[in-house]
Structure formats: structure tokens, C-alpha cells
Amino acid sequence: MFAFLYPLIPWPGVMMLGYLIGAMYKQDYISEKRQKQLLLYGIVITLFFIALRLTNFYGDPSEGHMQKNIAFTVLSFLNEPNIRLH
């Protein structure tokens, strides 16, 4: 018998996040404040993700390499943490 529990592990976190952010969509909540907060949350989460990738603790462990331009190299970095820049 097999148990596929991986999708269930992060689900409580997604539900808690929904309850927290859901309060920002009440009618009496100021939309400009909500937009600023969501932008700030997005920036912080993105920076945290990049820092996590730089530690090489999370993500694809394969060796990365330079791409044909900087945009593709950055995208490759986000996909593969071990970019060799030489």
C-alpha cells in the first residue's frame, strides 16, 4: 500500500496564509494599503527564495552554467543553484 502524503504536508500552511491574507480583502480595508502590503510581501518572499537558492540547500542540485545572455543566466540560476560564472 502506498501513501502519497507530499501534497498534504504544505496544505495547512497554504490554508493559514489564505486566512491571513483573506482579511485584507474585507470591504473596509483600504485598497492602497493592501496593494503596498502585498507588494512588500512579494518582494520579501522573492528575496528569501533567492537567498535560499544561494545557500544551495534547496532546488536542483545539478551543475548550472552560463546561458546566452544575462536574462537566461538569471532564470537558469533560479532553476539551478550551482551556476558557474566563469
PDB file of N, CA and C in Angstrom:
ATOM      1  N   MET A   1       0.846  -1.184   0.000  1.00  0.00           N
ATOM      2  CA  MET A   1       0.000   0.000   0.000  1.00  0.00           C
ATOM      3  C   MET A   1       0.889   1.244   0.000  1.00  0.00           C
ATOM      4  N   PHE A   2       0.580   2.197  -0.865  1.00  0.00           N
ATOM      5  CA  PHE A   2       1.350   3.426  -0.970  1.00  0.00           C
ATOM      6  C   PHE A   2       0.534   4.591  -0.432  1.00  0.00           C
ATOM      7  N   ALA A   3       1.232   5.519   0.201  1.00  0.00           N
ATOM      8  CA  ALA A   3       0.578   6.729   0.702  1.00  0.00           C
ATOM      9  C   ALA A   3       1.265   7.929   0.068  1.00  0.00           C
ATOM     10  N   PHE A   4       0.516   8.757  -0.597  1.00  0.00           N
ATOM     11  CA  PHE A   4       1.061   9.964  -1.209  1.00  0.00           C
ATOM     12  C   PHE A   4       0.717  11.151  -0.313  1.00  0.00           C
ATOM     13  N   LEU A   5       1.595  11.437   0.646  1.00  0.00           N
ATOM     14  CA  LEU A   5       1.326  12.477   1.633  1.00  0.00           C
ATOM     15  C   LEU A   5       1.949  13.820   1.287  1.00  0.00           C
ATOM     16  N   TYR A   6       2.831  13.858   0.267  1.00  0.00           N
ATOM     17  CA  TYR A   6       3.509  15.117  -0.029  1.00  0.00           C
ATOM     18  C   TYR A   6       2.542  16.283  -0.237  1.00  0.00           C
ATOM     19  N   PRO A   7       1.475  16.151  -1.016  1.00  0.00           N
ATOM     20  CA  PRO A   7       0.575  17.299  -1.192  1.00  0.00           C
ATOM     21  C   PRO A   7      -0.107  17.729   0.105  1.00  0.00           C
ATOM     22  N   LEU A   8      -0.234  16.837   1.059  1.00  0.00           N
ATOM     23  CA  LEU A   8      -0.906  17.180   2.307  1.00  0.00           C
ATOM     24  C   LEU A   8       0.010  17.935   3.272  1.00  0.00           C
ATOM     25  N   ILE A   9       1.314  17.779   3.128  1.00  0.00           N
ATOM     26  CA  ILE A   9       2.246  18.408   4.069  1.00  0.00           C
ATOM     27  C   ILE A   9       2.185  19.933   4.010  1.00  0.00           C
ATOM     28  N   PRO A  10       2.274  20.588   2.825  1.00  0.00           N
ATOM     29  CA  PRO A  10       2.236  22.051   2.817  1.00  0.00           C
ATOM     30  C   PRO A  10       0.825  22.633   2.885  1.00  0.00           C
ATOM     31  N   TRP A  11      -0.196  21.829   2.797  1.00  0.00           N
ATOM     32  CA  TRP A  11      -1.553  22.346   2.720  1.00  0.00           C
ATOM     33  C   TRP A  11      -1.974  23.165   3.945  1.00  0.00           C
ATOM     34  N   PRO A  12      -1.661  22.790   5.177  1.00  0.00           N
ATOM     35  CA  PRO A  12      -2.036  23.652   6.316  1.00  0.00           C
ATOM     36  C   PRO A  12      -1.402  25.040   6.231  1.00  0.00           C
ATOM     37  N   GLY A  13      -0.171  25.125   5.725  1.00  0.00           N
ATOM     38  CA  GLY A  13       0.466  26.433   5.546  1.00  0.00           C
ATOM     39  C   GLY A  13      -0.265  27.281   4.526  1.00  0.00           C
ATOM     40  N   VAL A  14      -0.704  26.661   3.432  1.00  0.00           N
ATOM     41  CA  VAL A  14      -1.458  27.385   2.404  1.00  0.00           C
ATOM     42  C   VAL A  14      -2.788  27.872   2.980  1.00  0.00           C
ATOM     43  N   MET A  15      -3.428  27.044   3.771  1.00  0.00           N
ATOM     44  CA  MET A  15      -4.707  27.445   4.376  1.00  0.00           C
ATOM     45  C   MET A  15      -4.517  28.599   5.356  1.00  0.00           C
ATOM     46  N   MET A  16      -3.470  28.544   6.185  1.00  0.00           N
ATOM     47  CA  MET A  16      -3.217  29.634   7.136  1.00  0.00           C
ATOM     48  C   MET A  16      -2.912  30.932   6.395  1.00  0.00           C
ATOM     49  N   LEU A  17      -2.132  30.833   5.342  1.00  0.00           N
ATOM     50  CA  LEU A  17      -1.820  32.022   4.544  1.00  0.00           C
ATOM     51  C   LEU A  17      -3.095  32.598   3.939  1.00  0.00           C
ATOM     52  N   GLY A  18      -3.978  31.761   3.481  1.00  0.00           N
ATOM     53  CA  GLY A  18      -5.261  32.218   2.938  1.00  0.00           C
ATOM     54  C   GLY A  18      -6.096  32.948   3.970  1.00  0.00           C
ATOM     55  N   TYR A  19      -6.132  32.444   5.196  1.00  0.00           N
ATOM     56  CA  TYR A  19      -6.887  33.121   6.249  1.00  0.00           C
ATOM     57  C   TYR A  19      -6.267  34.472   6.595  1.00  0.00           C
ATOM     58  N   LEU A  20      -4.932  34.534   6.630  1.00  0.00           N
ATOM     59  CA  LEU A  20      -4.265  35.795   6.961  1.00  0.00           C
ATOM     60  C   LEU A  20      -4.451  36.843   5.865  1.00  0.00           C
ATOM     61  N   ILE A  21      -4.240  36.452   4.624  1.00  0.00           N
ATOM     62  CA  ILE A  21      -4.363  37.399   3.528  1.00  0.00           C
ATOM     63  C   ILE A  21      -5.830  37.684   3.214  1.00  0.00           C
ATOM     64  N   GLY A  22      -6.690  36.735   3.473  1.00  0.00           N
ATOM     65  CA  GLY A  22      -8.121  36.939   3.227  1.00  0.00           C
ATOM     66  C   GLY A  22      -8.683  38.112   4.001  1.00  0.00           C
ATOM     67  N   ALA A  23      -8.140  38.375   5.185  1.00  0.00           N
ATOM     68  CA  ALA A  23      -8.611  39.514   5.982  1.00  0.00           C
ATOM     69  C   ALA A  23      -8.306  40.841   5.290  1.00  0.00           C
ATOM     70  N   MET A  24      -7.349  40.854   4.383  1.00  0.00           N
ATOM     71  CA  MET A  24      -7.002  42.081   3.667  1.00  0.00           C
ATOM     72  C   MET A  24      -8.039  42.433   2.601  1.00  0.00           C
ATOM     73  N   TYR A  25      -8.952  41.547   2.322  1.00  0.00           N
ATOM     74  CA  TYR A  25      -9.943  41.769   1.271  1.00  0.00           C
ATOM     75  C   TYR A  25     -11.326  42.076   1.826  1.00  0.00           C
ATOM     76  N   LYS A  26     -11.406  42.484   3.069  1.00  0.00           N
ATOM     77  CA  LYS A  26     -12.678  42.949   3.626  1.00  0.00           C
ATOM     78  C   LYS A  26     -13.034  44.282   2.983  1.00  0.00           C
ATOM     79  N   GLN A  27     -14.310  44.615   2.964  1.00  0.00           N
ATOM     80  CA  GLN A  27     -14.754  45.842   2.308  1.00  0.00           C
ATOM     81  C   GLN A  27     -14.180  47.101   2.956  1.00  0.00           C
ATOM     82  N   ASP A  28     -13.964  47.076   4.248  1.00  0.00           N
ATOM     83  CA  ASP A  28     -13.475  48.274   4.927  1.00  0.00           C
ATOM     84  C   ASP A  28     -11.956  48.403   4.908  1.00  0.00           C
ATOM     85  N   TYR A  29     -11.257  47.479   4.255  1.00  0.00           N
ATOM     86  CA  TYR A  29      -9.797  47.527   4.174  1.00  0.00           C
ATOM     87  C   TYR A  29      -9.398  48.469   3.041  1.00  0.00           C
ATOM     88  N   ILE A  30      -8.454  49.340   3.280  1.00  0.00           N
ATOM     89  CA  ILE A  30      -8.026  50.332   2.299  1.00  0.00           C
ATOM     90  C   ILE A  30      -7.217  49.631   1.193  1.00  0.00           C
ATOM     91  N   SER A  31      -7.658  49.796  -0.057  1.00  0.00           N
ATOM     92  CA  SER A  31      -7.033  49.061  -1.161  1.00  0.00           C
ATOM     93  C   SER A  31      -5.587  49.490  -1.391  1.00  0.00           C
ATOM     94  N   GLU A  32      -5.254  50.768  -1.207  1.00  0.00           N
ATOM     95  CA  GLU A  32      -3.873  51.210  -1.383  1.00  0.00           C
ATOM     96  C   GLU A  32      -2.960  50.551  -0.356  1.00  0.00           C
ATOM     97  N   LYS A  33      -3.454  50.419   0.858  1.00  0.00           N
ATOM     98  CA  LYS A  33      -2.677  49.756   1.913  1.00  0.00           C
ATOM     99  C   LYS A  33      -2.455  48.283   1.552  1.00  0.00           C
ATOM    100  N   ARG A  34      -3.522  47.634   1.052  1.00  0.00           N
ATOM    101  CA  ARG A  34      -3.423  46.222   0.658  1.00  0.00           C
ATOM    102  C   ARG A  34      -2.409  46.048  -0.464  1.00  0.00           C
ATOM    103  N   GLN A  35      -2.440  46.932  -1.466  1.00  0.00           N
ATOM    104  CA  GLN A  35      -1.511  46.826  -2.586  1.00  0.00           C
ATOM    105  C   GLN A  35      -0.067  46.979  -2.113  1.00  0.00           C
ATOM    106  N   LYS A  36       0.190  47.937  -1.230  1.00  0.00           N
ATOM    107  CA  LYS A  36       1.546  48.133  -0.711  1.00  0.00           C
ATOM    108  C   LYS A  36       2.007  46.931   0.103  1.00  0.00           C
ATOM    109  N   GLN A  37       1.117  46.399   0.930  1.00  0.00           N
ATOM    110  CA  GLN A  37       1.485  45.242   1.751  1.00  0.00           C
ATOM    111  C   GLN A  37       1.760  44.019   0.885  1.00  0.00           C
ATOM    112  N   LEU A  38       0.917  43.762  -0.109  1.00  0.00           N
ATOM    113  CA  LEU A  38       1.124  42.597  -0.971  1.00  0.00           C
ATOM    114  C   LEU A  38       2.398  42.733  -1.791  1.00  0.00           C
ATOM    115  N   LEU A  39       2.707  43.946  -2.252  1.00  0.00           N
ATOM    116  CA  LEU A  39       3.962  44.167  -2.967  1.00  0.00           C
ATOM    117  C   LEU A  39       5.152  43.905  -2.061  1.00  0.00           C
ATOM    118  N   LEU A  40       5.089  44.408  -0.838  1.00  0.00           N
ATOM    119  CA  LEU A  40       6.166  44.178   0.121  1.00  0.00           C
ATOM    120  C   LEU A  40       6.321  42.692   0.424  1.00  0.00           C
ATOM    121  N   TYR A  41       5.216  41.998   0.645  1.00  0.00           N
ATOM    122  CA  TYR A  41       5.283  40.554   0.905  1.00  0.00           C
ATOM    123  C   TYR A  41       5.909  39.818  -0.276  1.00  0.00           C
ATOM    124  N   GLY A  42       5.522  40.185  -1.496  1.00  0.00           N
ATOM    125  CA  GLY A  42       6.069  39.544  -2.684  1.00  0.00           C
ATOM    126  C   GLY A  42       7.572  39.759  -2.816  1.00  0.00           C
ATOM    127  N   ILE A  43       8.019  40.984  -2.539  1.00  0.00           N
ATOM    128  CA  ILE A  43       9.459  41.285  -2.619  1.00  0.00           C
ATOM    129  C   ILE A  43      10.220  40.505  -1.566  1.00  0.00           C
ATOM    130  N   VAL A  44       9.709  40.480  -0.347  1.00  0.00           N
ATOM    131  CA  VAL A  44      10.387  39.769   0.746  1.00  0.00           C
ATOM    132  C   VAL A  44      10.459  38.272   0.451  1.00  0.00           C
ATOM    133  N   ILE A  45       9.373  37.700  -0.018  1.00  0.00           N
ATOM    134  CA  ILE A  45       9.354  36.267  -0.313  1.00  0.00           C
ATOM    135  C   ILE A  45      10.313  35.944  -1.460  1.00  0.00           C
ATOM    136  N   THR A  46      10.366  36.806  -2.477  1.00  0.00           N
ATOM    137  CA  THR A  46      11.280  36.590  -3.597  1.00  0.00           C
ATOM    138  C   THR A  46      12.733  36.679  -3.143  1.00  0.00           C
ATOM    139  N   LEU A  47      13.062  37.666  -2.318  1.00  0.00           N
ATOM    140  CA  LEU A  47      14.428  37.791  -1.800  1.00  0.00           C
ATOM    141  C   LEU A  47      14.796  36.596  -0.917  1.00  0.00           C
ATOM    142  N   PHE A  48      13.840  36.127  -0.129  1.00  0.00           N
ATOM    143  CA  PHE A  48      14.079  34.930   0.688  1.00  0.00           C
ATOM    144  C   PHE A  48      14.359  33.719  -0.198  1.00  0.00           C
ATOM    145  N   PHE A  49      13.592  33.594  -1.280  1.00  0.00           N
ATOM    146  CA  PHE A  49      13.797  32.474  -2.201  1.00  0.00           C
ATOM    147  C   PHE A  49      15.182  32.545  -2.835  1.00  0.00           C
ATOM    148  N   ILE A  50      15.603  33.731  -3.270  1.00  0.00           N
ATOM    149  CA  ILE A  50      16.927  33.889  -3.878  1.00  0.00           C
ATOM    150  C   ILE A  50      18.025  33.565  -2.864  1.00  0.00           C
ATOM    151  N   ALA A  51      17.856  34.041  -1.625  1.00  0.00           N
ATOM    152  CA  ALA A  51      18.842  33.730  -0.581  1.00  0.00           C
ATOM    153  C   ALA A  51      18.893  32.222  -0.324  1.00  0.00           C
ATOM    154  N   LEU A  52      17.744  31.577  -0.338  1.00  0.00           N
ATOM    155  CA  LEU A  52      17.694  30.134  -0.145  1.00  0.00           C
ATOM    156  C   LEU A  52      18.401  29.404  -1.277  1.00  0.00           C
ATOM    157  N   ARG A  53      18.233  29.884  -2.509  1.00  0.00           N
ATOM    158  CA  ARG A  53      18.911  29.271  -3.652  1.00  0.00           C
ATOM    159  C   ARG A  53      20.421  29.482  -3.577  1.00  0.00           C
ATOM    160  N   LEU A  54      20.856  30.645  -3.071  1.00  0.00           N
ATOM    161  CA  LEU A  54      22.287  30.914  -2.951  1.00  0.00           C
ATOM    162  C   LEU A  54      22.970  29.975  -1.956  1.00  0.00           C
ATOM    163  N   THR A  55      22.231  29.483  -0.975  1.00  0.00           N
ATOM    164  CA  THR A  55      22.806  28.562   0.001  1.00  0.00           C
ATOM    165  C   THR A  55      23.008  27.170  -0.587  1.00  0.00           C
ATOM    166  N   ASN A  56      22.387  26.911  -1.745  1.00  0.00           N
ATOM    167  CA  ASN A  56      22.442  25.609  -2.394  1.00  0.00           C
ATOM    168  C   ASN A  56      21.826  24.513  -1.519  1.00  0.00           C
ATOM    169  N   PHE A  57      20.949  24.909  -0.635  1.00  0.00           N
ATOM    170  CA  PHE A  57      20.261  23.951   0.231  1.00  0.00           C
ATOM    171  C   PHE A  57      18.961  23.480  -0.403  1.00  0.00           C
ATOM    172  N   TYR A  58      18.411  24.291  -1.299  1.00  0.00           N
ATOM    173  CA  TYR A  58      17.113  23.998  -1.885  1.00  0.00           C
ATOM    174  C   TYR A  58      17.202  24.081  -3.399  1.00  0.00           C
ATOM    175  N   GLY A  59      16.575  23.168  -4.087  1.00  0.00           N
ATOM    176  CA  GLY A  59      16.484  23.238  -5.538  1.00  0.00           C
ATOM    177  C   GLY A  59      17.220  22.111  -6.227  1.00  0.00           C
ATOM    178  N   ASP A  60      17.361  22.270  -7.518  1.00  0.00           N
ATOM    179  CA  ASP A  60      18.002  21.264  -8.357  1.00  0.00           C
ATOM    180  C   ASP A  60      19.502  21.225  -8.072  1.00  0.00           C
ATOM    181  N   PRO A  61      20.045  20.092  -7.645  1.00  0.00           N
ATOM    182  CA  PRO A  61      21.459  20.026  -7.290  1.00  0.00           C
ATOM    183  C   PRO A  61      22.397  19.910  -8.496  1.00  0.00           C
ATOM    184  N   SER A  62      21.870  19.904  -9.713  1.00  0.00           N
ATOM    185  CA  SER A  62      22.742  19.760 -10.879  1.00  0.00           C
ATOM    186  C   SER A  62      23.568  21.025 -11.092  1.00  0.00           C
ATOM    187  N   GLU A  63      24.690  20.853 -11.784  1.00  0.00           N
ATOM    188  CA  GLU A  63      25.578  21.983 -12.055  1.00  0.00           C
ATOM    189  C   GLU A  63      24.933  22.915 -13.080  1.00  0.00           C
ATOM    190  N   GLY A  64      24.937  24.189 -12.786  1.00  0.00           N
ATOM    191  CA  GLY A  64      24.418  25.181 -13.720  1.00  0.00           C
ATOM    192  C   GLY A  64      25.526  25.727 -14.590  1.00  0.00           C
ATOM    193  N   HIS A  65      25.184  26.553 -15.553  1.00  0.00           N
ATOM    194  CA  HIS A  65      26.185  27.133 -16.430  1.00  0.00           C
ATOM    195  C   HIS A  65      25.670  28.445 -17.012  1.00  0.00           C
ATOM    196  N   MET A  66      26.592  29.204 -17.579  1.00  0.00           N
ATOM    197  CA  MET A  66      26.238  30.468 -18.212  1.00  0.00           C
ATOM    198  C   MET A  66      25.351  30.201 -19.421  1.00  0.00           C
ATOM    199  N   GLN A  67      24.396  31.096 -19.629  1.00  0.00           N
ATOM    200  CA  GLN A  67      23.500  30.991 -20.777  1.00  0.00           C
ATOM    201  C   GLN A  67      23.887  32.031 -21.825  1.00  0.00           C
ATOM    202  N   LYS A  68      23.087  32.157 -22.878  1.00  0.00           N
ATOM    203  CA  LYS A  68      23.447  33.052 -23.976  1.00  0.00           C
ATOM    204  C   LYS A  68      23.346  34.533 -23.615  1.00  0.00           C
ATOM    205  N   ASN A  69      22.580  34.889 -22.583  1.00  0.00           N
ATOM    206  CA  ASN A  69      22.543  36.270 -22.110  1.00  0.00           C
ATOM    207  C   ASN A  69      22.222  36.287 -20.623  1.00  0.00           C
ATOM    208  N   ILE A  70      22.284  37.467 -20.012  1.00  0.00           N
ATOM    209  CA  ILE A  70      22.118  37.580 -18.559  1.00  0.00           C
ATOM    210  C   ILE A  70      20.715  37.173 -18.102  1.00  0.00           C
ATOM    211  N   ALA A  71      19.709  37.471 -18.901  1.00  0.00           N
ATOM    212  CA  ALA A  71      18.341  37.114 -18.512  1.00  0.00           C
ATOM    213  C   ALA A  71      18.195  35.597 -18.382  1.00  0.00           C
ATOM    214  N   PHE A  72      18.718  34.869 -19.359  1.00  0.00           N
ATOM    215  CA  PHE A  72      18.631  33.412 -19.300  1.00  0.00           C
ATOM    216  C   PHE A  72      19.523  32.832 -18.210  1.00  0.00           C
ATOM    217  N   THR A  73      20.640  33.499 -17.915  1.00  0.00           N
ATOM    218  CA  THR A  73      21.510  33.048 -16.827  1.00  0.00           C
ATOM    219  C   THR A  73      20.790  33.199 -15.488  1.00  0.00           C
ATOM    220  N   VAL A  74      20.090  34.317 -15.301  1.00  0.00           N
ATOM    221  CA  VAL A  74      19.324  34.531 -14.056  1.00  0.00           C
ATOM    222  C   VAL A  74      18.222  33.497 -13.943  1.00  0.00           C
ATOM    223  N   LEU A  75      17.508  33.245 -15.019  1.00  0.00           N
ATOM    224  CA  LEU A  75      16.457  32.225 -14.990  1.00  0.00           C
ATOM    225  C   LEU A  75      17.039  30.846 -14.708  1.00  0.00           C
ATOM    226  N   SER A  76      18.206  30.574 -15.262  1.00  0.00           N
ATOM    227  CA  SER A  76      18.864  29.312 -15.001  1.00  0.00           C
ATOM    228  C   SER A  76      19.265  29.211 -13.529  1.00  0.00           C
ATOM    229  N   PHE A  77      19.737  30.333 -12.958  1.00  0.00           N
ATOM    230  CA  PHE A  77      20.087  30.346 -11.540  1.00  0.00           C
ATOM    231  C   PHE A  77      18.873  30.018 -10.679  1.00  0.00           C
ATOM    232  N   LEU A  78      17.737  30.592 -11.020  1.00  0.00           N
ATOM    233  CA  LEU A  78      16.534  30.317 -10.243  1.00  0.00           C
ATOM    234  C   LEU A  78      16.108  28.870 -10.378  1.00  0.00           C
ATOM    235  N   ASN A  79      16.493  28.239 -11.477  1.00  0.00           N
ATOM    236  CA  ASN A  79      16.193  26.833 -11.685  1.00  0.00           C
ATOM    237  C   ASN A  79      17.292  25.928 -11.156  1.00  0.00           C
ATOM    238  N   GLU A  80      18.543  26.358 -11.266  1.00  0.00           N
ATOM    239  CA  GLU A  80      19.690  25.549 -10.849  1.00  0.00           C
ATOM    240  C   GLU A  80      20.587  26.411  -9.949  1.00  0.00           C
ATOM    241  N   PRO A  81      20.802  26.028  -8.700  1.00  0.00           N
ATOM    242  CA  PRO A  81      21.534  26.881  -7.781  1.00  0.00           C
ATOM    243  C   PRO A  81      23.043  26.917  -7.987  1.00  0.00           C
ATOM    244  N   ASN A  82      23.635  26.013  -8.731  1.00  0.00           N
ATOM    245  CA  ASN A  82      25.090  25.934  -8.829  1.00  0.00           C
ATOM    246  C   ASN A  82      25.616  26.549 -10.120  1.00  0.00           C
ATOM    247  N   ILE A  83      25.361  27.816 -10.344  1.00  0.00           N
ATOM    248  CA  ILE A  83      25.814  28.471 -11.555  1.00  0.00           C
ATOM    249  C   ILE A  83      27.320  28.744 -11.458  1.00  0.00           C
ATOM    250  N   ARG A  84      28.053  28.365 -12.457  1.00  0.00           N
ATOM    251  CA  ARG A  84      29.479  28.684 -12.534  1.00  0.00           C
ATOM    252  C   ARG A  84      29.622  29.917 -13.414  1.00  0.00           C
ATOM    253  N   LEU A  85      30.069  31.004 -12.856  1.00  0.00           N
ATOM    254  CA  LEU A  85      30.147  32.267 -13.583  1.00  0.00           C
ATOM    255  C   LEU A  85      31.517  32.509 -14.199  1.00  0.00           C
ATOM    256  N   HIS A  86      32.189  31.496 -14.609  1.00  0.00           N
ATOM    257  CA  HIS A  86      33.491  31.659 -15.261  1.00  0.00           C
ATOM    258  C   HIS A  86      33.554  30.836 -16.533  1.00  0.00           C
TER     259      HIS A  86
END
